[in-house]
């Protein structure tokens, strides 16, 4: 995962948004701002104290994983890491 991770903090709860106990993060602040209604959340840099094992990348969120942009991002990552999905 890139150095900067962006998280969403609920404006009412003040808590970082999570799923299954993992903080939802993304590597592009601009994509987060573009892709969601910012009225209920604040986009912030994820605290460095939160380890990668404690996060869920947005592209793997169940409601996002089948979105075309998420599939493209995953394909780019697999290609970069030289991982094949073919059988």
PDB file of N, CA and C in Angstrom:
ATOM      1  N   UNK A   1       0.843  -1.175   0.000  1.00  0.00           N
ATOM      2  CA  UNK A   1       0.000   0.000   0.000  1.00  0.00           C
ATOM      3  C   UNK A   1       0.891   1.242   0.000  1.00  0.00           C
ATOM      4  N   UNK A   2       0.509   2.306  -0.720  1.00  0.00           N
ATOM      5  CA  UNK A   2       1.305   3.534  -0.743  1.00  0.00           C
ATOM      6  C   UNK A   2       1.466   4.137   0.651  1.00  0.00           C
ATOM      7  N   UNK A   3       2.430   5.029   0.773  1.00  0.00           N
ATOM      8  CA  UNK A   3       2.701   5.643   2.074  1.00  0.00           C
ATOM      9  C   UNK A   3       1.480   6.331   2.656  1.00  0.00           C
ATOM     10  N   UNK A   4       0.853   7.216   1.882  1.00  0.00           N
ATOM     11  CA  UNK A   4      -0.315   7.923   2.403  1.00  0.00           C
ATOM     12  C   UNK A   4      -1.564   7.083   2.222  1.00  0.00           C
ATOM     13  N   UNK A   5      -2.284   6.960   3.312  1.00  0.00           N
ATOM     14  CA  UNK A   5      -3.580   6.284   3.272  1.00  0.00           C
ATOM     15  C   UNK A   5      -4.596   7.294   3.769  1.00  0.00           C
ATOM     16  N   UNK A   6      -5.714   7.334   3.116  1.00  0.00           N
ATOM     17  CA  UNK A   6      -6.767   8.272   3.497  1.00  0.00           C
ATOM     18  C   UNK A   6      -7.926   7.504   4.104  1.00  0.00           C
ATOM     19  N   UNK A   7      -8.463   8.043   5.163  1.00  0.00           N
ATOM     20  CA  UNK A   7      -9.580   7.420   5.872  1.00  0.00           C
ATOM     21  C   UNK A   7     -10.729   8.415   5.949  1.00  0.00           C
ATOM     22  N   UNK A   8     -11.889   7.908   6.308  1.00  0.00           N
ATOM     23  CA  UNK A   8     -13.074   8.751   6.458  1.00  0.00           C
ATOM     24  C   UNK A   8     -13.504   8.730   7.916  1.00  0.00           C
ATOM     25  N   UNK A   9     -13.712   9.911   8.460  1.00  0.00           N
ATOM     26  CA  UNK A   9     -14.155  10.030   9.849  1.00  0.00           C
ATOM     27  C   UNK A   9     -15.583  10.551   9.848  1.00  0.00           C
ATOM     28  N   UNK A  10     -16.460   9.851  10.561  1.00  0.00           N
ATOM     29  CA  UNK A  10     -17.851  10.281  10.657  1.00  0.00           C
ATOM     30  C   UNK A  10     -17.950  11.608  11.392  1.00  0.00           C
ATOM     31  N   UNK A  11     -18.682  12.552  10.813  1.00  0.00           N
ATOM     32  CA  UNK A  11     -18.793  13.875  11.432  1.00  0.00           C
ATOM     33  C   UNK A  11     -19.571  13.853  12.738  1.00  0.00           C
ATOM     34  N   UNK A  12     -20.479  12.932  12.893  1.00  0.00           N
ATOM     35  CA  UNK A  12     -21.252  12.861  14.134  1.00  0.00           C
ATOM     36  C   UNK A  12     -20.535  12.009  15.171  1.00  0.00           C
ATOM     37  N   UNK A  13     -20.081  10.826  14.767  1.00  0.00           N
ATOM     38  CA  UNK A  13     -19.451   9.918  15.726  1.00  0.00           C
ATOM     39  C   UNK A  13     -18.015  10.301  16.047  1.00  0.00           C
ATOM     40  N   UNK A  14     -17.342  10.929  15.085  1.00  0.00           N
ATOM     41  CA  UNK A  14     -15.930  11.256  15.275  1.00  0.00           C
ATOM     42  C   UNK A  14     -15.025  10.044  15.096  1.00  0.00           C
ATOM     43  N   UNK A  15     -15.610   8.892  14.751  1.00  0.00           N
ATOM     44  CA  UNK A  15     -14.855   7.650  14.583  1.00  0.00           C
ATOM     45  C   UNK A  15     -14.492   7.442  13.123  1.00  0.00           C
ATOM     46  N   UNK A  16     -13.375   6.752  12.885  1.00  0.00           N
ATOM     47  CA  UNK A  16     -13.011   6.371  11.529  1.00  0.00           C
ATOM     48  C   UNK A  16     -13.965   5.283  11.058  1.00  0.00           C
ATOM     49  N   UNK A  17     -14.427   5.393   9.810  1.00  0.00           N
ATOM     50  CA  UNK A  17     -15.360   4.404   9.288  1.00  0.00           C
ATOM     51  C   UNK A  17     -14.654   3.069   9.141  1.00  0.00           C
ATOM     52  N   UNK A  18     -15.362   2.014   9.495  1.00  0.00           N
ATOM     53  CA  UNK A  18     -14.764   0.687   9.469  1.00  0.00           C
ATOM     54  C   UNK A  18     -15.791  -0.336   9.019  1.00  0.00           C
ATOM     55  N   UNK A  19     -15.276  -1.509   8.701  1.00  0.00           N
ATOM     56  CA  UNK A  19     -16.115  -2.649   8.346  1.00  0.00           C
ATOM     57  C   UNK A  19     -15.470  -3.872   8.965  1.00  0.00           C
ATOM     58  N   UNK A  20     -16.211  -4.592   9.758  1.00  0.00           N
ATOM     59  CA  UNK A  20     -15.671  -5.784  10.399  1.00  0.00           C
ATOM     60  C   UNK A  20     -14.477  -5.485  11.294  1.00  0.00           C
ATOM     61  N   UNK A  21     -14.467  -4.304  11.887  1.00  0.00           N
ATOM     62  CA  UNK A  21     -13.381  -3.936  12.792  1.00  0.00           C
ATOM     63  C   UNK A  21     -12.138  -3.391  12.103  1.00  0.00           C
ATOM     64  N   UNK A  22     -12.181  -3.273  10.762  1.00  0.00           N
ATOM     65  CA  UNK A  22     -11.029  -2.748  10.031  1.00  0.00           C
ATOM     66  C   UNK A  22     -11.355  -1.359   9.488  1.00  0.00           C
ATOM     67  N   UNK A  23     -10.405  -0.444   9.646  1.00  0.00           N
ATOM     68  CA  UNK A  23     -10.565   0.928   9.170  1.00  0.00           C
ATOM     69  C   UNK A  23     -10.521   0.923   7.646  1.00  0.00           C
ATOM     70  N   UNK A  24     -11.501   1.559   7.011  1.00  0.00           N
ATOM     71  CA  UNK A  24     -11.556   1.631   5.555  1.00  0.00           C
ATOM     72  C   UNK A  24     -10.610   2.739   5.095  1.00  0.00           C
ATOM     73  N   UNK A  25      -9.682   2.387   4.197  1.00  0.00           N
ATOM     74  CA  UNK A  25      -8.685   3.346   3.702  1.00  0.00           C
ATOM     75  C   UNK A  25      -8.631   3.310   2.178  1.00  0.00           C
ATOM     76  N   UNK A  26      -8.090   4.392   1.636  1.00  0.00           N
ATOM     77  CA  UNK A  26      -7.886   4.488   0.186  1.00  0.00           C
ATOM     78  C   UNK A  26      -6.628   5.299  -0.056  1.00  0.00           C
ATOM     79  N   UNK A  27      -6.001   5.085  -1.194  1.00  0.00           N
ATOM     80  CA  UNK A  27      -4.740   5.774  -1.454  1.00  0.00           C
ATOM     81  C   UNK A  27      -4.898   7.075  -2.219  1.00  0.00           C
ATOM     82  N   UNK A  28      -6.126   7.450  -2.546  1.00  0.00           N
ATOM     83  CA  UNK A  28      -6.352   8.688  -3.282  1.00  0.00           C
ATOM     84  C   UNK A  28      -7.431   9.529  -2.601  1.00  0.00           C
ATOM     85  N   UNK A  29      -7.015  10.633  -2.032  1.00  0.00           N
ATOM     86  CA  UNK A  29      -7.960  11.552  -1.398  1.00  0.00           C
ATOM     87  C   UNK A  29      -8.947  12.089  -2.430  1.00  0.00           C
ATOM     88  N   UNK A  30      -8.434  12.399  -3.627  1.00  0.00           N
ATOM     89  CA  UNK A  30      -9.269  12.957  -4.686  1.00  0.00           C
ATOM     90  C   UNK A  30     -10.379  11.987  -5.088  1.00  0.00           C
ATOM     91  N   UNK A  31     -10.059  10.700  -5.192  1.00  0.00           N
ATOM     92  CA  UNK A  31     -11.080   9.718  -5.541  1.00  0.00           C
ATOM     93  C   UNK A  31     -12.134   9.604  -4.451  1.00  0.00           C
ATOM     94  N   UNK A  32     -11.713   9.694  -3.212  1.00  0.00           N
ATOM     95  CA  UNK A  32     -12.691   9.655  -2.119  1.00  0.00           C
ATOM     96  C   UNK A  32     -13.627  10.856  -2.198  1.00  0.00           C
ATOM     97  N   UNK A  33     -13.067  12.028  -2.444  1.00  0.00           N
ATOM     98  CA  UNK A  33     -13.894  13.228  -2.535  1.00  0.00           C
ATOM     99  C   UNK A  33     -14.832  13.173  -3.739  1.00  0.00           C
ATOM    100  N   UNK A  34     -14.352  12.610  -4.848  1.00  0.00           N
ATOM    101  CA  UNK A  34     -15.147  12.527  -6.061  1.00  0.00           C
ATOM    102  C   UNK A  34     -16.258  11.495  -5.941  1.00  0.00           C
ATOM    103  N   UNK A  35     -15.968  10.389  -5.292  1.00  0.00           N
ATOM    104  CA  UNK A  35     -16.878   9.259  -5.306  1.00  0.00           C
ATOM    105  C   UNK A  35     -17.909   9.194  -4.204  1.00  0.00           C
ATOM    106  N   UNK A  36     -17.932  10.156  -3.317  1.00  0.00           N
ATOM    107  CA  UNK A  36     -18.888  10.035  -2.218  1.00  0.00           C
ATOM    108  C   UNK A  36     -19.446  11.378  -1.798  1.00  0.00           C
ATOM    109  N   UNK A  37     -20.538  11.326  -1.086  1.00  0.00           N
ATOM    110  CA  UNK A  37     -21.153  12.525  -0.534  1.00  0.00           C
ATOM    111  C   UNK A  37     -20.368  12.910   0.715  1.00  0.00           C
ATOM    112  N   UNK A  38     -19.655  14.025   0.669  1.00  0.00           N
ATOM    113  CA  UNK A  38     -18.795  14.392   1.790  1.00  0.00           C
ATOM    114  C   UNK A  38     -19.532  15.020   2.970  1.00  0.00           C
ATOM    115  N   UNK A  39     -20.853  15.135   2.888  1.00  0.00           N
ATOM    116  CA  UNK A  39     -21.574  15.837   3.944  1.00  0.00           C
ATOM    117  C   UNK A  39     -21.526  15.124   5.295  1.00  0.00           C
ATOM    118  N   UNK A  40     -21.378  13.815   5.295  1.00  0.00           N
ATOM    119  CA  UNK A  40     -21.404  13.089   6.561  1.00  0.00           C
ATOM    120  C   UNK A  40     -20.049  12.664   7.077  1.00  0.00           C
ATOM    121  N   UNK A  41     -18.998  12.902   6.265  1.00  0.00           N
ATOM    122  CA  UNK A  41     -17.665  12.448   6.657  1.00  0.00           C
ATOM    123  C   UNK A  41     -16.617  13.519   6.385  1.00  0.00           C
ATOM    124  N   UNK A  42     -15.501  13.375   7.058  1.00  0.00           N
ATOM    125  CA  UNK A  42     -14.329  14.185   6.795  1.00  0.00           C
ATOM    126  C   UNK A  42     -13.238  13.246   6.300  1.00  0.00           C
ATOM    127  N   UNK A  43     -12.607  13.610   5.188  1.00  0.00           N
ATOM    128  CA  UNK A  43     -11.505  12.814   4.656  1.00  0.00           C
ATOM    129  C   UNK A  43     -10.243  13.273   5.377  1.00  0.00           C
ATOM    130  N   UNK A  44      -9.514  12.319   5.923  1.00  0.00           N
ATOM    131  CA  UNK A  44      -8.296  12.663   6.665  1.00  0.00           C
ATOM    132  C   UNK A  44      -7.218  11.622   6.409  1.00  0.00           C
ATOM    133  N   UNK A  45      -5.980  12.032   6.612  1.00  0.00           N
ATOM    134  CA  UNK A  45      -4.906  11.063   6.483  1.00  0.00           C
ATOM    135  C   UNK A  45      -5.036  10.049   7.610  1.00  0.00           C
ATOM    136  N   UNK A  46      -4.912   8.786   7.256  1.00  0.00           N
ATOM    137  CA  UNK A  46      -5.024   7.724   8.246  1.00  0.00           C
ATOM    138  C   UNK A  46      -3.844   7.827   9.215  1.00  0.00           C
ATOM    139  N   UNK A  47      -4.099   7.790  10.503  1.00  0.00           N
ATOM    140  CA  UNK A  47      -3.008   7.864  11.472  1.00  0.00           C
ATOM    141  C   UNK A  47      -1.977   6.754  11.241  1.00  0.00           C
ATOM    142  N   UNK A  48      -0.708   7.107  11.335  1.00  0.00           N
ATOM    143  CA  UNK A  48       0.358   6.121  11.108  1.00  0.00           C
ATOM    144  C   UNK A  48       0.356   5.034  12.173  1.00  0.00           C
ATOM    145  N   UNK A  49      -0.295   5.292  13.284  1.00  0.00           N
ATOM    146  CA  UNK A  49      -0.361   4.290  14.352  1.00  0.00           C
ATOM    147  C   UNK A  49      -1.254   3.106  13.979  1.00  0.00           C
ATOM    148  N   UNK A  50      -2.067   3.274  12.925  1.00  0.00           N
ATOM    149  CA  UNK A  50      -2.935   2.183  12.480  1.00  0.00           C
ATOM    150  C   UNK A  50      -2.160   1.347  11.468  1.00  0.00           C
ATOM    151  N   UNK A  51      -1.921   0.098  11.828  1.00  0.00           N
ATOM    152  CA  UNK A  51      -1.140  -0.806  10.964  1.00  0.00           C
ATOM    153  C   UNK A  51      -1.963  -1.278   9.776  1.00  0.00           C
ATOM    154  N   UNK A  52      -1.270  -1.687   8.718  1.00  0.00           N
ATOM    155  CA  UNK A  52      -1.953  -2.188   7.525  1.00  0.00           C
ATOM    156  C   UNK A  52      -2.904  -3.338   7.847  1.00  0.00           C
ATOM    157  N   UNK A  53      -2.530  -4.181   8.807  1.00  0.00           N
ATOM    158  CA  UNK A  53      -3.369  -5.326   9.171  1.00  0.00           C
ATOM    159  C   UNK A  53      -4.697  -4.893   9.784  1.00  0.00           C
ATOM    160  N   UNK A  54      -4.769  -3.645  10.217  1.00  0.00           N
ATOM    161  CA  UNK A  54      -5.981  -3.128  10.850  1.00  0.00           C
ATOM    162  C   UNK A  54      -6.856  -2.361   9.866  1.00  0.00           C
ATOM    163  N   UNK A  55      -6.508  -2.429   8.566  1.00  0.00           N
ATOM    164  CA  UNK A  55      -7.245  -1.662   7.569  1.00  0.00           C
ATOM    165  C   UNK A  55      -7.863  -2.555   6.501  1.00  0.00           C
ATOM    166  N   UNK A  56      -8.843  -1.994   5.835  1.00  0.00           N
ATOM    167  CA  UNK A  56      -9.480  -2.619   4.678  1.00  0.00           C
ATOM    168  C   UNK A  56      -9.413  -1.597   3.556  1.00  0.00           C
ATOM    169  N   UNK A  57      -8.740  -1.930   2.481  1.00  0.00           N
ATOM    170  CA  UNK A  57      -8.668  -1.009   1.366  1.00  0.00           C
ATOM    171  C   UNK A  57     -10.048  -0.897   0.721  1.00  0.00           C
ATOM    172  N   UNK A  58     -10.408   0.310   0.376  1.00  0.00           N
ATOM    173  CA  UNK A  58     -11.733   0.580  -0.177  1.00  0.00           C
ATOM    174  C   UNK A  58     -12.056  -0.311  -1.376  1.00  0.00           C
ATOM    175  N   UNK A  59     -11.072  -0.615  -2.200  1.00  0.00           N
ATOM    176  CA  UNK A  59     -11.352  -1.435  -3.390  1.00  0.00           C
ATOM    177  C   UNK A  59     -11.799  -2.848  -3.037  1.00  0.00           C
ATOM    178  N   UNK A  60     -11.616  -3.265  -1.787  1.00  0.00           N
ATOM    179  CA  UNK A  60     -12.056  -4.593  -1.345  1.00  0.00           C
ATOM    180  C   UNK A  60     -13.349  -4.554  -0.535  1.00  0.00           C
ATOM    181  N   UNK A  61     -13.925  -3.375  -0.348  1.00  0.00           N
ATOM    182  CA  UNK A  61     -15.195  -3.254   0.376  1.00  0.00           C
ATOM    183  C   UNK A  61     -16.278  -3.960  -0.446  1.00  0.00           C
ATOM    184  N   UNK A  62     -17.132  -4.766   0.177  1.00  0.00           N
ATOM    185  CA  UNK A  62     -18.148  -5.528  -0.563  1.00  0.00           C
ATOM    186  C   UNK A  62     -19.045  -4.685  -1.461  1.00  0.00           C
ATOM    187  N   UNK A  63     -19.324  -3.442  -1.096  1.00  0.00           N
ATOM    188  CA  UNK A  63     -20.199  -2.606  -1.917  1.00  0.00           C
ATOM    189  C   UNK A  63     -19.424  -1.857  -3.006  1.00  0.00           C
ATOM    190  N   UNK A  64     -18.119  -2.011  -3.037  1.00  0.00           N
ATOM    191  CA  UNK A  64     -17.284  -1.297  -4.000  1.00  0.00           C
ATOM    192  C   UNK A  64     -16.583  -2.249  -4.961  1.00  0.00           C
ATOM    193  N   UNK A  65     -16.293  -3.448  -4.514  1.00  0.00           N
ATOM    194  CA  UNK A  65     -15.428  -4.371  -5.254  1.00  0.00           C
ATOM    195  C   UNK A  65     -15.872  -4.616  -6.697  1.00  0.00           C
ATOM    196  N   UNK A  66     -17.150  -4.548  -7.003  1.00  0.00           N
ATOM    197  CA  UNK A  66     -17.611  -4.782  -8.370  1.00  0.00           C
ATOM    198  C   UNK A  66     -17.776  -3.511  -9.193  1.00  0.00           C
ATOM    199  N   UNK A  67     -17.399  -2.374  -8.634  1.00  0.00           N
ATOM    200  CA  UNK A  67     -17.440  -1.128  -9.382  1.00  0.00           C
ATOM    201  C   UNK A  67     -16.314  -1.139 -10.425  1.00  0.00           C
ATOM    202  N   UNK A  68     -16.575  -0.630 -11.636  1.00  0.00           N
ATOM    203  CA  UNK A  68     -15.547  -0.654 -12.683  1.00  0.00           C
ATOM    204  C   UNK A  68     -14.216  -0.029 -12.262  1.00  0.00           C
ATOM    205  N   UNK A  69     -14.256   1.095 -11.548  1.00  0.00           N
ATOM    206  CA  UNK A  69     -12.993   1.746 -11.170  1.00  0.00           C
ATOM    207  C   UNK A  69     -12.216   0.884 -10.178  1.00  0.00           C
ATOM    208  N   UNK A  70     -12.930   0.168  -9.301  1.00  0.00           N
ATOM    209  CA  UNK A  70     -12.248  -0.683  -8.327  1.00  0.00           C
ATOM    210  C   UNK A  70     -11.612  -1.886  -9.021  1.00  0.00           C
ATOM    211  N   UNK A  71     -12.323  -2.458  -9.990  1.00  0.00           N
ATOM    212  CA  UNK A  71     -11.764  -3.575 -10.749  1.00  0.00           C
ATOM    213  C   UNK A  71     -10.509  -3.139 -11.499  1.00  0.00           C
ATOM    214  N   UNK A  72     -10.568  -1.932 -12.070  1.00  0.00           N
ATOM    215  CA  UNK A  72      -9.417  -1.411 -12.804  1.00  0.00           C
ATOM    216  C   UNK A  72      -8.223  -1.227 -11.867  1.00  0.00           C
ATOM    217  N   UNK A  73      -8.477  -0.658 -10.690  1.00  0.00           N
ATOM    218  CA  UNK A  73      -7.413  -0.450  -9.703  1.00  0.00           C
ATOM    219  C   UNK A  73      -6.790  -1.769  -9.286  1.00  0.00           C
ATOM    220  N   UNK A  74      -7.621  -2.781  -9.050  1.00  0.00           N
ATOM    221  CA  UNK A  74      -7.116  -4.087  -8.636  1.00  0.00           C
ATOM    222  C   UNK A  74      -6.288  -4.716  -9.758  1.00  0.00           C
ATOM    223  N   UNK A  75      -6.777  -4.622 -10.993  1.00  0.00           N
ATOM    224  CA  UNK A  75      -6.033  -5.174 -12.133  1.00  0.00           C
ATOM    225  C   UNK A  75      -4.677  -4.490 -12.273  1.00  0.00           C
ATOM    226  N   UNK A  76      -4.649  -3.163 -12.084  1.00  0.00           N
ATOM    227  CA  UNK A  76      -3.383  -2.427 -12.163  1.00  0.00           C
ATOM    228  C   UNK A  76      -2.414  -2.897 -11.086  1.00  0.00           C
ATOM    229  N   UNK A  77      -2.931  -3.105  -9.896  1.00  0.00           N
ATOM    230  CA  UNK A  77      -2.073  -3.554  -8.794  1.00  0.00           C
ATOM    231  C   UNK A  77      -1.522  -4.952  -9.066  1.00  0.00           C
ATOM    232  N   UNK A  78      -2.394  -5.860  -9.521  1.00  0.00           N
ATOM    233  CA  UNK A  78      -1.937  -7.216  -9.806  1.00  0.00           C
ATOM    234  C   UNK A  78      -0.868  -7.217 -10.893  1.00  0.00           C
ATOM    235  N   UNK A  79      -1.069  -6.392 -11.910  1.00  0.00           N
ATOM    236  CA  UNK A  79      -0.083  -6.301 -12.981  1.00  0.00           C
ATOM    237  C   UNK A  79       1.237  -5.751 -12.445  1.00  0.00           C
ATOM    238  N   UNK A  80       1.157  -4.719 -11.630  1.00  0.00           N
ATOM    239  CA  UNK A  80       2.356  -4.103 -11.045  1.00  0.00           C
ATOM    240  C   UNK A  80       3.122  -5.116 -10.192  1.00  0.00           C
ATOM    241  N   UNK A  81       2.395  -5.937  -9.459  1.00  0.00           N
ATOM    242  CA  UNK A  81       3.019  -6.929  -8.576  1.00  0.00           C
ATOM    243  C   UNK A  81       3.272  -8.251  -9.312  1.00  0.00           C
ATOM    244  N   UNK A  82       2.979  -8.246 -10.630  1.00  0.00           N
ATOM    245  CA  UNK A  82       3.223  -9.408 -11.479  1.00  0.00           C
ATOM    246  C   UNK A  82       2.495 -10.661 -10.982  1.00  0.00           C
ATOM    247  N   UNK A  83       1.218 -10.468 -10.639  1.00  0.00           N
ATOM    248  CA  UNK A  83       0.378 -11.565 -10.173  1.00  0.00           C
ATOM    249  C   UNK A  83      -0.666 -11.853 -11.242  1.00  0.00           C
ATOM    250  N   UNK A  84      -0.807 -13.104 -11.607  1.00  0.00           N
ATOM    251  CA  UNK A  84      -1.764 -13.494 -12.632  1.00  0.00           C
ATOM    252  C   UNK A  84      -3.005 -14.099 -11.991  1.00  0.00           C
ATOM    253  N   UNK A  85      -4.171 -13.768 -12.526  1.00  0.00           N
ATOM    254  CA  UNK A  85      -5.433 -14.343 -12.050  1.00  0.00           C
ATOM    255  C   UNK A  85      -5.925 -15.440 -12.981  1.00  0.00           C
ATOM    256  N   UNK A  86      -5.174 -15.693 -14.043  1.00  0.00           N
ATOM    257  CA  UNK A  86      -5.587 -16.712 -14.993  1.00  0.00           C
ATOM    258  C   UNK A  86      -5.317 -18.091 -14.442  1.00  0.00           C
ATOM    259  N   UNK A  87      -6.165 -19.046 -14.843  1.00  0.00           N
ATOM    260  CA  UNK A  87      -6.007 -20.436 -14.390  1.00  0.00           C
ATOM    261  C   UNK A  87      -5.403 -21.269 -15.469  1.00  0.00           C
TER     262      UNK A  87
END
